[in-house]
């Protein structure tokens, strides 16, 4: 008798890829950023490949970095404009 508790994933032929909204992707990434979170476990819970989650995390970091740099540059330009008057 086999008593293993191993899970088996079966892909149904012809199944379409699920399209996730930006908000859904952001929630998945933010779930992986919680203390003690495992990327593979979060990916499994959301039925996403872990490699895709790592890619989404990279995009998320780039978005946050670019947004921060843009905000700092805008503040710098405003500061220079105020000081030059």
N, C-alpha and C. Protein backbone atom coordinates (compact mmCIF):
# COMPACT_ATOMS: atom_id res chain seq x y z
N UNK A 1 0.84 -1.18 0.00
CA UNK A 1 0.00 0.00 0.00
C UNK A 1 0.89 1.24 0.00
N UNK A 2 0.59 2.17 -0.89
CA UNK A 2 1.35 3.42 -1.00
C UNK A 2 0.71 4.45 -0.07
N UNK A 3 1.49 4.96 0.88
CA UNK A 3 0.95 5.93 1.83
C UNK A 3 1.57 7.31 1.63
N UNK A 4 2.15 7.57 0.46
CA UNK A 4 2.78 8.87 0.23
C UNK A 4 1.72 9.96 0.15
N UNK A 5 2.11 11.14 0.56
CA UNK A 5 1.20 12.28 0.52
C UNK A 5 1.66 13.29 -0.53
N UNK A 6 2.43 12.80 -1.48
CA UNK A 6 2.97 13.66 -2.52
C UNK A 6 1.85 14.17 -3.42
N UNK A 7 1.87 15.47 -3.73
CA UNK A 7 0.87 16.06 -4.59
C UNK A 7 1.32 15.96 -6.04
N UNK A 8 0.39 15.71 -6.92
CA UNK A 8 0.68 15.61 -8.33
C UNK A 8 -0.11 16.69 -9.05
N UNK A 9 0.56 17.44 -9.89
CA UNK A 9 -0.10 18.48 -10.65
C UNK A 9 -0.35 17.97 -12.06
N UNK A 10 -1.56 18.12 -12.54
CA UNK A 10 -1.91 17.65 -13.87
C UNK A 10 -2.41 18.84 -14.67
N UNK A 11 -1.83 19.03 -15.84
CA UNK A 11 -2.27 20.12 -16.71
C UNK A 11 -3.24 19.55 -17.73
N UNK A 12 -4.37 20.19 -17.86
CA UNK A 12 -5.40 19.72 -18.79
C UNK A 12 -5.03 20.22 -20.18
N UNK A 13 -5.05 19.30 -21.14
CA UNK A 13 -4.73 19.66 -22.52
C UNK A 13 -5.71 20.71 -23.02
N UNK A 14 -5.19 21.73 -23.66
CA UNK A 14 -6.02 22.78 -24.22
C UNK A 14 -6.42 23.85 -23.23
N UNK A 15 -5.97 23.76 -21.99
CA UNK A 15 -6.31 24.77 -21.00
C UNK A 15 -5.60 26.08 -21.34
N UNK A 16 -6.32 27.16 -21.25
CA UNK A 16 -5.74 28.46 -21.56
C UNK A 16 -4.95 28.98 -20.39
N UNK A 17 -3.94 29.79 -20.69
CA UNK A 17 -3.18 30.44 -19.62
C UNK A 17 -4.07 31.48 -18.97
N UNK A 18 -3.94 31.59 -17.68
CA UNK A 18 -4.73 32.58 -16.96
C UNK A 18 -4.06 33.93 -17.07
N UNK A 19 -4.83 34.92 -17.38
CA UNK A 19 -4.33 36.31 -17.45
C UNK A 19 -4.66 36.98 -16.13
N UNK A 20 -3.67 37.56 -15.51
CA UNK A 20 -3.88 38.22 -14.23
C UNK A 20 -3.76 39.73 -14.41
N UNK A 21 -4.58 40.44 -13.67
CA UNK A 21 -4.53 41.91 -13.73
C UNK A 21 -3.27 42.39 -13.01
N UNK A 22 -2.94 43.64 -13.21
CA UNK A 22 -1.79 44.23 -12.54
C UNK A 22 -1.97 44.16 -11.03
N UNK A 23 -3.18 44.39 -10.57
CA UNK A 23 -3.46 44.34 -9.13
C UNK A 23 -3.24 42.93 -8.57
N UNK A 24 -3.69 41.91 -9.31
CA UNK A 24 -3.47 40.53 -8.86
C UNK A 24 -1.98 40.21 -8.77
N UNK A 25 -1.23 40.63 -9.81
CA UNK A 25 0.22 40.37 -9.81
C UNK A 25 0.90 41.09 -8.65
N UNK A 26 0.47 42.31 -8.39
CA UNK A 26 1.06 43.08 -7.28
C UNK A 26 0.79 42.39 -5.95
N UNK A 27 -0.42 41.87 -5.76
CA UNK A 27 -0.76 41.18 -4.51
C UNK A 27 0.09 39.92 -4.34
N UNK A 28 0.32 39.19 -5.43
CA UNK A 28 1.16 38.00 -5.36
C UNK A 28 2.58 38.38 -4.94
N UNK A 29 3.13 39.40 -5.58
CA UNK A 29 4.49 39.84 -5.25
C UNK A 29 4.57 40.32 -3.81
N UNK A 30 3.62 41.13 -3.39
CA UNK A 30 3.65 41.65 -2.03
C UNK A 30 3.50 40.54 -0.99
N UNK A 31 2.80 39.46 -1.35
CA UNK A 31 2.70 38.32 -0.44
C UNK A 31 4.06 37.66 -0.26
N UNK A 32 4.90 37.67 -1.30
CA UNK A 32 6.24 37.07 -1.18
C UNK A 32 7.19 37.94 -0.38
N UNK A 33 6.86 39.20 -0.20
CA UNK A 33 7.74 40.13 0.52
C UNK A 33 7.48 40.13 2.02
N UNK A 34 6.47 39.40 2.46
CA UNK A 34 6.15 39.32 3.89
C UNK A 34 7.23 38.49 4.60
N UNK A 35 7.55 38.84 5.84
CA UNK A 35 8.56 38.07 6.59
C UNK A 35 8.16 36.59 6.69
N UNK A 36 9.10 35.72 6.37
CA UNK A 36 8.88 34.29 6.45
C UNK A 36 8.15 33.68 5.27
N UNK A 37 7.80 34.50 4.28
CA UNK A 37 7.08 33.99 3.11
C UNK A 37 8.03 33.24 2.19
N UNK A 38 7.52 32.22 1.55
CA UNK A 38 8.28 31.43 0.58
C UNK A 38 7.70 31.69 -0.80
N UNK A 39 8.57 32.05 -1.75
CA UNK A 39 8.11 32.32 -3.11
C UNK A 39 7.42 31.09 -3.69
N UNK A 40 8.01 29.93 -3.48
CA UNK A 40 7.41 28.72 -4.06
C UNK A 40 6.05 28.43 -3.45
N UNK A 41 5.89 28.66 -2.16
CA UNK A 41 4.60 28.41 -1.52
C UNK A 41 3.54 29.42 -1.99
N UNK A 42 3.92 30.69 -2.09
CA UNK A 42 2.97 31.71 -2.57
C UNK A 42 2.59 31.39 -4.02
N UNK A 43 3.57 31.03 -4.82
CA UNK A 43 3.29 30.68 -6.22
C UNK A 43 2.32 29.51 -6.29
N UNK A 44 2.56 28.48 -5.49
CA UNK A 44 1.69 27.30 -5.49
C UNK A 44 0.27 27.67 -5.08
N UNK A 45 0.14 28.52 -4.07
CA UNK A 45 -1.19 28.93 -3.59
C UNK A 45 -1.97 29.70 -4.65
N UNK A 46 -1.24 30.43 -5.51
CA UNK A 46 -1.89 31.23 -6.55
C UNK A 46 -1.88 30.54 -7.90
N UNK A 47 -1.43 29.28 -7.93
CA UNK A 47 -1.38 28.48 -9.16
C UNK A 47 -0.54 29.19 -10.24
N UNK A 48 0.65 29.63 -9.82
CA UNK A 48 1.59 30.31 -10.71
C UNK A 48 2.93 29.59 -10.60
N UNK A 49 3.68 29.56 -11.69
CA UNK A 49 5.01 28.99 -11.66
C UNK A 49 5.92 29.90 -10.84
N UNK A 50 6.77 29.33 -10.00
CA UNK A 50 7.65 30.13 -9.15
C UNK A 50 8.58 31.01 -9.98
N UNK A 51 9.02 30.53 -11.14
CA UNK A 51 9.88 31.35 -12.00
C UNK A 51 9.16 32.62 -12.44
N UNK A 52 7.87 32.51 -12.70
CA UNK A 52 7.09 33.68 -13.08
C UNK A 52 7.01 34.67 -11.92
N UNK A 53 6.87 34.17 -10.71
CA UNK A 53 6.81 35.05 -9.54
C UNK A 53 8.15 35.77 -9.35
N UNK A 54 9.26 35.07 -9.54
CA UNK A 54 10.56 35.74 -9.45
C UNK A 54 10.68 36.84 -10.50
N UNK A 55 10.16 36.59 -11.70
CA UNK A 55 10.17 37.61 -12.75
C UNK A 55 9.29 38.80 -12.35
N UNK A 56 8.12 38.52 -11.79
CA UNK A 56 7.24 39.60 -11.35
C UNK A 56 7.88 40.43 -10.24
N UNK A 57 8.62 39.75 -9.34
CA UNK A 57 9.33 40.48 -8.27
C UNK A 57 10.37 41.42 -8.85
N UNK A 58 11.07 40.98 -9.88
CA UNK A 58 12.07 41.83 -10.53
C UNK A 58 11.40 43.06 -11.14
N UNK A 59 10.30 42.85 -11.85
CA UNK A 59 9.57 43.97 -12.44
C UNK A 59 9.06 44.93 -11.35
N UNK A 60 8.59 44.37 -10.26
CA UNK A 60 8.07 45.16 -9.13
C UNK A 60 9.17 46.05 -8.56
N UNK A 61 10.36 45.47 -8.35
CA UNK A 61 11.49 46.25 -7.82
C UNK A 61 11.88 47.37 -8.77
N UNK A 62 11.90 47.07 -10.07
CA UNK A 62 12.26 48.09 -11.06
C UNK A 62 11.22 49.21 -11.08
N UNK A 63 9.96 48.85 -10.98
CA UNK A 63 8.89 49.84 -10.96
C UNK A 63 9.02 50.75 -9.74
N UNK A 64 9.26 50.15 -8.58
CA UNK A 64 9.39 50.93 -7.35
C UNK A 64 10.61 51.84 -7.42
N UNK A 65 11.73 51.30 -7.94
CA UNK A 65 12.96 52.09 -8.02
C UNK A 65 12.76 53.26 -8.98
N UNK A 66 12.20 53.00 -10.16
CA UNK A 66 11.99 54.05 -11.15
C UNK A 66 11.03 55.10 -10.64
N UNK A 67 9.98 54.67 -9.94
CA UNK A 67 9.03 55.61 -9.37
C UNK A 67 9.68 56.49 -8.32
N UNK A 68 10.55 55.91 -7.50
CA UNK A 68 11.25 56.66 -6.46
C UNK A 68 12.20 57.67 -7.08
N UNK A 69 12.96 57.23 -8.09
CA UNK A 69 13.90 58.13 -8.75
C UNK A 69 13.16 59.29 -9.41
N UNK A 70 12.04 58.99 -10.06
CA UNK A 70 11.25 60.04 -10.69
C UNK A 70 10.77 61.05 -9.65
N UNK A 71 10.29 60.57 -8.50
CA UNK A 71 9.80 61.46 -7.45
C UNK A 71 10.93 62.33 -6.91
N UNK A 72 12.12 61.75 -6.73
CA UNK A 72 13.26 62.51 -6.23
C UNK A 72 13.67 63.57 -7.25
N UNK A 73 13.69 63.20 -8.52
CA UNK A 73 14.05 64.17 -9.57
C UNK A 73 13.04 65.31 -9.60
N UNK A 74 11.75 64.99 -9.47
CA UNK A 74 10.72 66.02 -9.49
C UNK A 74 10.90 66.97 -8.30
N UNK A 75 11.19 66.43 -7.13
CA UNK A 75 11.40 67.27 -5.95
C UNK A 75 12.61 68.16 -6.15
N UNK A 76 13.65 67.60 -6.76
CA UNK A 76 14.86 68.39 -7.02
C UNK A 76 14.58 69.55 -7.96
N UNK A 77 13.80 69.31 -9.00
CA UNK A 77 13.47 70.37 -9.97
C UNK A 77 12.63 71.44 -9.30
N UNK A 78 11.67 71.03 -8.49
CA UNK A 78 10.83 71.99 -7.78
C UNK A 78 11.69 72.83 -6.84
N UNK A 79 12.60 72.17 -6.12
CA UNK A 79 13.48 72.87 -5.19
C UNK A 79 14.35 73.90 -5.89
N UNK A 80 14.90 73.54 -7.05
CA UNK A 80 15.74 74.47 -7.81
C UNK A 80 14.92 75.64 -8.31
N UNK A 81 13.68 75.38 -8.75
CA UNK A 81 12.83 76.44 -9.26
C UNK A 81 12.49 77.44 -8.15
N UNK A 82 12.23 76.92 -6.97
CA UNK A 82 11.90 77.80 -5.83
C UNK A 82 13.12 78.60 -5.42
N UNK A 83 14.29 77.96 -5.38
CA UNK A 83 15.51 78.65 -4.97
C UNK A 83 15.98 79.70 -5.97
N UNK A 84 15.65 79.54 -7.25
CA UNK A 84 16.15 80.46 -8.25
C UNK A 84 15.36 81.75 -8.30
N UNK A 85 14.20 81.80 -7.67
CA UNK A 85 13.38 83.02 -7.73
C UNK A 85 13.89 84.08 -6.80
